[in-house]
Amino acid sequence: MQFMSTVLLSLETSSPVCSVALHRVANGSLIGQSELRLDKSHSTHLTILIEQLLANTGHFLADLAAVAVSDGPGSYTGLRIGAAAAKGLCFALNIPLVAVSTLRALTAQVAAVTTRPGNYLYCPMLDARRLEVYAALYRHDGQEVLAPTPLLLDTETLAEQLAHHSVLFFGHGAAKFQVLLGEQQNAGFLAGIEPSAVALGQLAVAAYHRQEFQDVAYYEPFYLKEVYTTTPKK
């Protein structure tokens, strides 16, 4: 059975988790998802996960109305692999490309399962090596309080926000902030929260209906920082 361009494919590759999902464009409902929690698996397994998800849900590439990709910040290599796959599909199928902030999607993922979500600010943190994280602050409805930024962690990080708000911290960079911060009445830490193509896809469907599309030829992920490289020794 053909579904004639009624689904949106989402690719989440910003973290060690390689995740893909299919949503219906009409109402944003989830059709299927697949993920692999295997470090450095994106380059070898992303296309396999896409093929298997389409096959398992009875869909074909021709059924795709758009492809969504995690925009970053996050792993430079992972974001680059996801962007390349998404751009290739969009170019070949002549369909739109949607990009969704990794941190915004991670916040939506947590807010959706939080009791009384309006009582908190949400601070997703992705590890950026040493005592640095990529972080942002949002309200439960996605309103941006602090734009995505590299944060150098110490005991005074976000002290002003914590003095006036209850803040939930999550993502694979939050654990090292918890160690630094210690006991803080207004700080809550959630373990095991990783970026997911499911949350990404839900936001992407809304962006699709607003026609918020990227230029397929020139799109690049939001790396937030220049990639760190070294010169090989002779």
Protein backbone atom coordinates (compact mmCIF):
# COMPACT_ATOMS: atom_id res chain seq x y z
CA MET A 1 0.00 0.00 0.00
CA GLN A 2 1.32 3.47 -0.92
CA PHE A 3 0.79 6.48 1.35
CA MET A 4 1.68 9.28 -1.11
CA SER A 5 3.92 11.75 0.71
CA THR A 6 2.11 11.79 4.01
CA VAL A 7 4.97 11.09 6.45
CA LEU A 8 7.96 12.95 7.84
CA LEU A 9 11.25 11.22 8.59
CA SER A 10 13.37 12.55 11.48
CA LEU A 11 17.07 11.88 12.06
CA GLU A 12 18.67 12.48 15.47
CA THR A 13 22.46 12.08 15.37
CA SER A 14 23.72 14.78 17.74
CA SER A 15 24.61 12.37 20.56
CA PRO A 16 25.95 8.81 20.90
CA VAL A 17 22.37 7.60 20.30
CA CYS A 18 21.48 7.17 16.63
CA SER A 19 17.71 7.63 16.39
CA VAL A 20 15.15 7.80 13.55
CA ALA A 21 11.37 8.25 13.59
CA LEU A 22 8.37 8.54 11.29
CA HIS A 23 5.42 10.86 11.99
CA ARG A 24 2.23 11.52 10.08
CA VAL A 25 2.27 15.00 8.57
CA ALA A 26 -1.48 15.47 8.97
CA ASN A 27 -1.65 15.23 12.76
CA GLY A 28 1.90 14.65 14.03
CA SER A 29 1.15 11.17 15.36
CA LEU A 30 4.05 8.77 15.71
CA ILE A 31 4.16 5.87 13.26
CA GLY A 32 7.38 4.21 14.31
CA GLN A 33 10.85 4.75 15.74
CA SER A 34 14.17 2.98 15.90
CA GLU A 35 17.39 3.75 17.74
CA LEU A 36 20.81 2.30 18.34
CA ARG A 37 22.76 3.07 21.51
CA LEU A 38 26.13 2.13 20.11
CA ASP A 39 28.93 4.68 20.20
CA LYS A 40 30.20 5.88 16.80
CA SER A 41 27.56 3.89 14.93
CA HIS A 42 26.04 6.75 12.95
CA SER A 43 28.13 6.46 9.81
CA THR A 44 27.58 2.73 9.42
CA HIS A 45 24.05 2.27 10.76
CA LEU A 46 21.99 5.41 10.03
CA THR A 47 20.93 4.39 6.53
CA ILE A 48 20.22 0.86 7.76
CA LEU A 49 17.94 2.19 10.51
CA ILE A 50 16.10 4.34 7.95
CA GLU A 51 15.61 1.41 5.56
CA GLN A 52 14.43 -0.90 8.33
CA LEU A 53 12.00 1.67 9.77
CA LEU A 54 10.42 2.32 6.39
CA ALA A 55 10.14 -1.41 5.70
CA ASN A 56 8.73 -2.24 9.13
CA THR A 57 6.03 0.44 8.84
CA GLY A 58 5.12 -0.40 5.23
CA HIS A 59 6.40 2.86 3.79
CA PHE A 60 8.72 3.83 0.96
CA LEU A 61 11.06 6.74 0.29
CA ALA A 62 8.47 8.08 -2.15
CA ASP A 63 6.04 8.46 0.77
CA LEU A 64 8.22 11.09 2.48
CA ALA A 65 6.86 14.63 2.53
CA ALA A 66 9.99 15.99 4.25
CA VAL A 67 13.08 15.01 6.22
CA ALA A 68 13.91 16.60 9.58
CA VAL A 69 17.35 16.68 11.12
CA SER A 70 18.75 17.60 14.52
CA ASP A 71 20.26 21.07 14.02
CA GLY A 72 22.68 20.98 16.93
CA PRO A 73 24.55 21.75 19.01
CA GLY A 74 26.08 18.37 19.71
CA SER A 75 28.65 15.99 18.32
CA TYR A 76 30.34 17.60 15.30
CA THR A 77 30.75 14.28 13.52
CA GLY A 78 27.25 13.10 14.36
CA LEU A 79 25.61 16.32 13.21
CA ARG A 80 27.59 16.26 9.98
CA ILE A 81 26.53 12.66 9.25
CA GLY A 82 22.87 13.42 9.95
CA ALA A 83 22.92 16.56 7.80
CA ALA A 84 24.58 14.76 4.90
CA ALA A 85 22.00 11.94 4.97
CA ALA A 86 19.06 14.35 5.25
CA LYS A 87 20.32 16.61 2.47
CA GLY A 88 20.94 13.63 0.22
CA LEU A 89 17.41 12.34 0.70
CA CYS A 90 15.83 15.77 0.23
CA PHE A 91 17.82 16.46 -2.93
CA ALA A 92 17.10 13.06 -4.47
CA LEU A 93 13.38 13.15 -3.61
CA ASN A 94 12.92 16.91 -4.16
CA ILE A 95 11.32 17.40 -0.75
CA PRO A 96 11.84 20.01 2.01
CA LEU A 97 14.48 19.87 4.73
CA VAL A 98 13.47 20.84 8.29
CA ALA A 99 16.03 21.57 11.02
CA VAL A 100 15.12 21.51 14.73
CA SER A 101 17.29 22.68 17.61
CA THR A 102 18.68 19.71 19.53
CA LEU A 103 18.29 21.51 22.86
CA ARG A 104 14.76 22.68 22.06
CA ALA A 105 13.71 19.13 21.14
CA LEU A 106 15.31 17.73 24.29
CA THR A 107 13.32 20.23 26.36
CA ALA A 108 10.05 19.30 24.65
CA GLN A 109 10.83 15.66 25.38
CA VAL A 110 11.18 16.34 29.11
CA ALA A 111 8.37 18.88 29.47
CA ALA A 112 5.91 16.45 27.90
CA VAL A 113 6.33 13.99 30.80
CA THR A 114 6.78 16.49 33.64
CA THR A 115 4.03 16.98 36.22
CA ARG A 116 3.02 20.66 36.37
CA PRO A 117 5.52 21.57 33.62
CA GLY A 118 4.87 25.30 33.98
CA ASN A 119 6.53 25.30 37.41
CA TYR A 120 10.03 24.89 36.00
CA LEU A 121 12.66 26.28 33.70
CA TYR A 122 14.34 23.62 31.58
CA CYS A 123 18.09 23.46 31.05
CA PRO A 124 19.30 20.81 28.58
CA MET A 125 23.06 20.24 28.80
CA LEU A 126 25.15 18.39 26.24
CA ASP A 127 28.73 17.47 27.07
CA ALA A 128 31.31 19.65 25.31
CA ARG A 129 34.40 18.13 26.95
CA ARG A 130 36.12 19.04 30.22
CA LEU A 131 33.97 21.43 32.30
CA GLU A 132 32.09 22.87 29.35
CA VAL A 133 28.58 22.08 28.10
CA TYR A 134 26.27 23.25 25.36
CA ALA A 135 23.21 24.55 27.20
CA ALA A 136 20.11 26.73 26.97
CA LEU A 137 17.15 27.69 29.13
CA TYR A 138 13.51 27.29 28.07
CA ARG A 139 10.04 27.54 29.50
CA HIS A 140 7.78 24.51 29.17
CA ASP A 141 6.16 25.89 26.01
CA GLY A 142 9.52 26.27 24.26
CA GLN A 143 9.95 29.98 24.92
CA GLU A 144 13.66 30.74 24.99
CA VAL A 145 15.03 32.26 28.21
CA LEU A 146 18.73 31.76 27.43
CA ALA A 147 19.84 31.09 23.86
CA PRO A 148 22.01 28.02 23.19
CA THR A 149 25.53 28.78 24.31
CA PRO A 150 28.76 27.09 25.45
CA LEU A 151 28.79 27.25 29.26
CA LEU A 152 31.93 26.86 31.36
CA LEU A 153 30.70 25.17 34.54
CA ASP A 154 31.53 26.31 38.04
CA THR A 155 29.63 26.73 41.31
CA GLU A 156 28.21 30.10 40.16
CA THR A 157 26.89 28.93 36.78
CA LEU A 158 23.24 30.03 36.34
CA ALA A 159 23.23 31.28 39.94
CA GLU A 160 20.82 34.13 39.15
CA GLN A 161 18.30 31.81 37.50
CA LEU A 162 18.52 29.28 40.34
CA ALA A 163 17.92 32.03 42.89
CA HIS A 164 14.50 32.78 41.41
CA HIS A 165 13.33 29.63 39.61
CA SER A 166 13.14 25.87 39.95
CA VAL A 167 15.32 24.53 37.15
CA LEU A 168 15.43 21.00 35.71
CA PHE A 169 18.80 19.91 34.33
CA PHE A 170 19.12 16.98 31.94
CA GLY A 171 21.14 15.63 29.05
CA HIS A 172 24.48 13.84 29.10
CA GLY A 173 26.32 17.00 30.23
CA ALA A 174 24.21 17.61 33.34
CA ALA A 175 25.89 15.04 35.60
CA LYS A 176 29.15 16.95 35.89
CA PHE A 177 27.24 20.12 36.80
CA GLN A 178 25.42 18.20 39.53
CA VAL A 179 28.77 17.23 41.06
CA LEU A 180 29.94 20.86 41.04
CA LEU A 181 26.67 22.33 42.29
CA GLY A 182 26.02 19.88 45.11
CA GLU A 183 22.81 20.39 47.06
CA GLN A 184 20.74 23.24 45.66
CA GLN A 185 17.09 23.56 46.59
CA ASN A 186 15.94 24.88 43.21
CA ALA A 187 17.95 22.47 41.05
CA GLY A 188 16.59 19.12 39.89
CA PHE A 189 18.63 16.66 37.87
CA LEU A 190 17.17 14.01 35.55
CA ALA A 191 19.39 11.08 34.56
CA GLY A 192 19.27 9.03 31.36
CA ILE A 193 17.73 11.69 29.11
CA GLU A 194 19.13 11.47 25.57
CA PRO A 195 18.04 13.27 22.38
CA SER A 196 15.32 11.37 20.50
CA ALA A 197 14.04 11.54 16.94
CA VAL A 198 10.50 11.20 18.36
CA ALA A 199 10.57 14.62 20.07
CA LEU A 200 12.46 16.04 17.10
CA GLY A 201 9.78 14.82 14.71
CA GLN A 202 6.92 16.29 16.71
CA LEU A 203 8.47 19.76 16.51
CA ALA A 204 9.41 19.20 12.89
CA VAL A 205 5.81 18.48 11.85
CA ALA A 206 4.77 21.84 13.31
CA ALA A 207 7.65 23.55 11.49
CA TYR A 208 6.64 21.77 8.27
CA HIS A 209 3.15 23.25 8.45
CA ARG A 210 4.68 26.70 9.03
CA GLN A 211 6.86 26.02 5.96
CA GLU A 212 10.06 26.66 7.91
CA PHE A 213 12.40 24.93 5.48
CA GLN A 214 16.16 24.99 5.03
CA ASP A 215 18.08 25.55 1.82
CA VAL A 216 19.09 22.00 0.95
CA ALA A 217 22.21 23.09 -0.95
CA TYR A 218 23.63 25.41 1.71
CA TYR A 219 22.33 24.09 5.02
CA GLU A 220 24.88 23.41 7.75
CA PRO A 221 24.16 22.32 11.34
CA PHE A 222 24.43 24.76 14.22
CA TYR A 223 27.74 23.56 15.65
CA LEU A 224 27.88 26.48 18.14
CA LYS A 225 31.69 26.22 18.28
CA GLU A 226 34.35 25.65 15.68
CA VAL A 227 35.42 22.03 15.56
CA TYR A 228 38.63 21.37 17.50
CA THR A 229 41.39 19.83 15.40
CA THR A 230 45.06 19.11 15.88
CA THR A 231 47.93 19.02 13.46
CA PRO A 232 49.55 15.59 13.19
CA LYS A 233 53.16 15.44 14.31
CA LYS A 234 55.70 14.54 11.65
